[in-house]
N, C-alpha and C. Protein backbone atom coordinates (compact mmCIF):
# COMPACT_ATOMS: atom_id res chain seq x y z
N MET A 1 -3.60 -0.83 -0.49
CA MET A 1 -2.76 0.02 0.31
C MET A 1 -3.58 0.56 1.46
N THR A 2 -2.90 0.97 2.51
CA THR A 2 -3.58 1.52 3.67
C THR A 2 -4.28 2.80 3.27
N GLY A 3 -5.53 2.92 3.67
CA GLY A 3 -6.32 4.08 3.30
C GLY A 3 -5.96 5.31 4.12
N ARG A 4 -6.45 6.43 3.64
CA ARG A 4 -6.18 7.70 4.32
C ARG A 4 -6.72 7.69 5.74
N GLN A 5 -7.88 7.06 5.96
CA GLN A 5 -8.44 6.97 7.30
C GLN A 5 -7.54 6.16 8.22
N ASP A 6 -6.96 5.08 7.70
CA ASP A 6 -6.06 4.26 8.51
C ASP A 6 -4.83 5.06 8.92
N ILE A 7 -4.29 5.84 7.98
CA ILE A 7 -3.13 6.67 8.28
C ILE A 7 -3.49 7.70 9.33
N ASP A 8 -4.67 8.31 9.20
CA ASP A 8 -5.12 9.30 10.18
C ASP A 8 -5.25 8.67 11.57
N GLN A 9 -5.78 7.46 11.63
CA GLN A 9 -5.93 6.77 12.92
C GLN A 9 -4.57 6.50 13.56
N ILE A 10 -3.61 6.05 12.78
CA ILE A 10 -2.27 5.79 13.31
C ILE A 10 -1.63 7.08 13.78
N ALA A 11 -1.77 8.14 12.98
CA ALA A 11 -1.21 9.44 13.37
C ALA A 11 -1.85 9.94 14.66
N LEU A 12 -3.14 9.74 14.80
CA LEU A 12 -3.84 10.16 16.02
C LEU A 12 -3.34 9.37 17.23
N ARG A 13 -3.13 8.08 17.05
CA ARG A 13 -2.61 7.25 18.14
C ARG A 13 -1.21 7.70 18.55
N LEU A 14 -0.36 7.97 17.55
CA LEU A 14 0.98 8.45 17.86
C LEU A 14 0.93 9.79 18.58
N ALA A 15 0.09 10.68 18.10
CA ALA A 15 -0.03 12.00 18.72
C ALA A 15 -0.57 11.89 20.14
N SER A 16 -1.42 10.89 20.41
CA SER A 16 -1.98 10.73 21.75
C SER A 16 -0.92 10.30 22.76
N LEU A 17 0.21 9.82 22.28
CA LEU A 17 1.30 9.41 23.16
C LEU A 17 2.13 10.60 23.64
N VAL A 18 1.87 11.76 23.07
CA VAL A 18 2.61 12.97 23.44
C VAL A 18 2.22 13.35 24.87
N PRO A 19 3.19 13.67 25.72
CA PRO A 19 2.88 14.04 27.10
C PRO A 19 1.90 15.21 27.17
N PRO A 20 1.06 15.24 28.22
CA PRO A 20 0.03 16.28 28.35
C PRO A 20 0.58 17.70 28.31
N GLY A 21 1.78 17.93 28.75
CA GLY A 21 2.36 19.27 28.76
C GLY A 21 2.62 19.82 27.37
N MET A 22 2.54 18.98 26.37
CA MET A 22 2.84 19.39 25.00
C MET A 22 1.57 19.39 24.14
N VAL A 23 0.45 19.72 24.75
CA VAL A 23 -0.83 19.68 24.05
C VAL A 23 -0.83 20.59 22.82
N ASP A 24 -0.14 21.73 22.92
CA ASP A 24 -0.10 22.65 21.78
C ASP A 24 0.56 22.01 20.56
N ALA A 25 1.49 21.14 20.81
CA ALA A 25 2.20 20.48 19.71
C ALA A 25 1.41 19.30 19.15
N HIS A 26 0.36 18.92 19.82
CA HIS A 26 -0.43 17.75 19.43
C HIS A 26 -0.90 17.81 17.97
N THR A 27 -1.48 18.92 17.56
CA THR A 27 -2.01 19.06 16.20
C THR A 27 -0.88 19.01 15.18
N ASP A 28 0.20 19.72 15.45
CA ASP A 28 1.34 19.71 14.53
C ASP A 28 1.95 18.32 14.43
N LEU A 29 2.11 17.66 15.55
CA LEU A 29 2.69 16.30 15.53
C LEU A 29 1.79 15.33 14.77
N ARG A 30 0.49 15.46 14.98
CA ARG A 30 -0.44 14.58 14.28
C ARG A 30 -0.30 14.76 12.76
N ALA A 31 -0.24 16.00 12.32
CA ALA A 31 -0.09 16.27 10.88
C ALA A 31 1.25 15.74 10.38
N ASN A 32 2.30 15.95 11.15
CA ASN A 32 3.63 15.45 10.74
C ASN A 32 3.66 13.93 10.70
N PHE A 33 3.08 13.29 11.71
CA PHE A 33 3.03 11.83 11.72
C PHE A 33 2.27 11.31 10.50
N ARG A 34 1.14 11.94 10.19
CA ARG A 34 0.32 11.52 9.04
C ARG A 34 1.11 11.65 7.74
N ASP A 35 1.81 12.78 7.57
CA ASP A 35 2.59 12.99 6.34
C ASP A 35 3.73 11.99 6.23
N ILE A 36 4.42 11.74 7.33
CA ILE A 36 5.54 10.80 7.32
C ILE A 36 5.06 9.39 7.02
N LEU A 37 3.96 8.99 7.64
CA LEU A 37 3.41 7.65 7.38
C LEU A 37 2.97 7.50 5.92
N ALA A 38 2.27 8.51 5.40
CA ALA A 38 1.81 8.45 4.01
C ALA A 38 2.99 8.38 3.05
N GLN A 39 4.01 9.18 3.31
CA GLN A 39 5.18 9.18 2.44
C GLN A 39 5.89 7.83 2.48
N GLY A 40 6.04 7.28 3.67
CA GLY A 40 6.68 5.97 3.80
C GLY A 40 5.93 4.88 3.08
N LEU A 41 4.61 4.90 3.17
CA LEU A 41 3.81 3.88 2.51
C LEU A 41 3.86 4.02 1.00
N ARG A 42 3.92 5.25 0.50
CA ARG A 42 4.03 5.46 -0.95
C ARG A 42 5.32 4.86 -1.50
N HIS A 43 6.39 4.92 -0.73
CA HIS A 43 7.67 4.39 -1.19
C HIS A 43 7.67 2.86 -1.23
N LEU A 44 6.75 2.23 -0.51
CA LEU A 44 6.70 0.77 -0.50
C LEU A 44 6.08 0.19 -1.76
N GLU A 45 5.44 1.02 -2.57
CA GLU A 45 4.81 0.58 -3.81
C GLU A 45 3.86 -0.58 -3.57
N LEU A 46 2.97 -0.42 -2.61
CA LEU A 46 1.99 -1.44 -2.28
C LEU A 46 0.81 -1.37 -3.24
N VAL A 47 0.10 -2.48 -3.34
CA VAL A 47 -1.12 -2.50 -4.14
C VAL A 47 -2.30 -2.74 -3.20
N THR A 48 -3.47 -2.38 -3.66
CA THR A 48 -4.66 -2.61 -2.85
C THR A 48 -5.00 -4.10 -2.87
N ARG A 49 -5.80 -4.51 -1.93
CA ARG A 49 -6.24 -5.91 -1.88
C ARG A 49 -7.04 -6.25 -3.14
N GLU A 50 -7.83 -5.29 -3.60
CA GLU A 50 -8.62 -5.50 -4.81
C GLU A 50 -7.71 -5.75 -6.01
N GLU A 51 -6.66 -4.93 -6.17
CA GLU A 51 -5.72 -5.13 -7.28
C GLU A 51 -5.03 -6.48 -7.17
N PHE A 52 -4.66 -6.86 -5.95
CA PHE A 52 -4.02 -8.15 -5.74
C PHE A 52 -4.95 -9.30 -6.13
N ASP A 53 -6.22 -9.22 -5.69
CA ASP A 53 -7.19 -10.26 -6.01
C ASP A 53 -7.42 -10.37 -7.51
N VAL A 54 -7.50 -9.23 -8.20
CA VAL A 54 -7.69 -9.24 -9.65
C VAL A 54 -6.50 -9.93 -10.33
N GLN A 55 -5.30 -9.59 -9.91
CA GLN A 55 -4.12 -10.19 -10.53
C GLN A 55 -4.01 -11.68 -10.22
N THR A 56 -4.47 -12.09 -9.04
CA THR A 56 -4.50 -13.51 -8.69
C THR A 56 -5.44 -14.27 -9.61
N GLN A 57 -6.60 -13.67 -9.91
CA GLN A 57 -7.56 -14.30 -10.82
C GLN A 57 -6.99 -14.37 -12.24
N VAL A 58 -6.34 -13.31 -12.68
CA VAL A 58 -5.72 -13.30 -14.01
C VAL A 58 -4.67 -14.40 -14.09
N LEU A 59 -3.86 -14.52 -13.06
CA LEU A 59 -2.82 -15.56 -13.05
C LEU A 59 -3.43 -16.95 -13.08
N ALA A 60 -4.49 -17.17 -12.34
CA ALA A 60 -5.15 -18.49 -12.34
C ALA A 60 -5.70 -18.83 -13.72
N ARG A 61 -6.34 -17.85 -14.37
CA ARG A 61 -6.85 -18.09 -15.73
C ARG A 61 -5.70 -18.36 -16.71
N THR A 62 -4.62 -17.63 -16.56
CA THR A 62 -3.46 -17.81 -17.44
C THR A 62 -2.86 -19.20 -17.25
N ARG A 63 -2.72 -19.63 -16.01
CA ARG A 63 -2.19 -20.98 -15.74
C ARG A 63 -3.08 -22.05 -16.36
N ALA A 64 -4.39 -21.89 -16.21
CA ALA A 64 -5.33 -22.86 -16.79
C ALA A 64 -5.19 -22.90 -18.30
N ARG A 65 -5.07 -21.74 -18.91
CA ARG A 65 -4.93 -21.68 -20.37
C ARG A 65 -3.62 -22.31 -20.83
N VAL A 66 -2.54 -22.07 -20.09
CA VAL A 66 -1.25 -22.67 -20.44
C VAL A 66 -1.35 -24.20 -20.36
N GLU A 67 -2.01 -24.70 -19.33
CA GLU A 67 -2.17 -26.15 -19.21
C GLU A 67 -2.98 -26.71 -20.38
N GLU A 68 -4.04 -25.99 -20.78
CA GLU A 68 -4.84 -26.43 -21.93
C GLU A 68 -3.98 -26.46 -23.19
N LEU A 69 -3.18 -25.43 -23.39
CA LEU A 69 -2.34 -25.36 -24.58
C LEU A 69 -1.25 -26.42 -24.57
N GLU A 70 -0.69 -26.71 -23.40
CA GLU A 70 0.31 -27.78 -23.30
C GLU A 70 -0.30 -29.12 -23.69
N THR A 71 -1.52 -29.36 -23.23
CA THR A 71 -2.21 -30.60 -23.58
C THR A 71 -2.46 -30.67 -25.08
N ARG A 72 -2.90 -29.56 -25.65
CA ARG A 72 -3.18 -29.51 -27.09
C ARG A 72 -1.91 -29.72 -27.91
N VAL A 73 -0.81 -29.10 -27.52
CA VAL A 73 0.47 -29.28 -28.23
C VAL A 73 0.90 -30.74 -28.14
N ALA A 74 0.76 -31.36 -26.99
CA ALA A 74 1.13 -32.77 -26.85
C ALA A 74 0.27 -33.64 -27.77
N GLU A 75 -1.02 -33.32 -27.88
CA GLU A 75 -1.90 -34.07 -28.78
C GLU A 75 -1.48 -33.89 -30.23
N LEU A 76 -1.17 -32.67 -30.62
CA LEU A 76 -0.74 -32.41 -32.00
C LEU A 76 0.59 -33.09 -32.31
N GLU A 77 1.51 -33.06 -31.36
CA GLU A 77 2.79 -33.73 -31.57
C GLU A 77 2.60 -35.23 -31.72
N ALA A 78 1.71 -35.78 -30.92
CA ALA A 78 1.43 -37.22 -31.02
C ALA A 78 0.80 -37.54 -32.35
N ALA A 79 -0.07 -36.68 -32.85
CA ALA A 79 -0.75 -36.93 -34.13
C ALA A 79 0.22 -36.80 -35.29
N MET A 80 1.24 -35.96 -35.14
CA MET A 80 2.18 -35.73 -36.24
C MET A 80 3.32 -36.76 -36.26
N SER A 81 3.55 -37.44 -35.18
CA SER A 81 4.66 -38.39 -35.16
C SER A 81 4.30 -39.62 -36.02
N PRO A 82 5.29 -40.13 -36.73
CA PRO A 82 5.01 -41.27 -37.59
C PRO A 82 4.61 -42.50 -36.76
N PRO A 83 3.77 -43.35 -37.34
CA PRO A 83 3.33 -44.56 -36.62
C PRO A 83 4.53 -45.42 -36.28
N GLY A 84 4.48 -46.03 -35.11
CA GLY A 84 5.53 -46.96 -34.70
C GLY A 84 6.69 -46.28 -33.98
N THR A 85 6.64 -45.01 -33.72
CA THR A 85 7.74 -44.35 -32.99
C THR A 85 7.34 -43.97 -31.62
């Protein structure tokens, strides 16, 4: 998920777009932008890249194991079938 620093940077960029005459509102807008961005990202239920990579590795190991088991089941079925069938 996007880190707190990334959210702060985006909020700062948005706040920098505020016209110069509204400098007093700059700090408040930056805080509001940061809170709105953080809240929006929380609702997306995103995972970190690290969590994604871990789950990708788990899935790869699981797929490999399933393939091994499928091969083993096929071997056992072949061994159990009567000769000549």
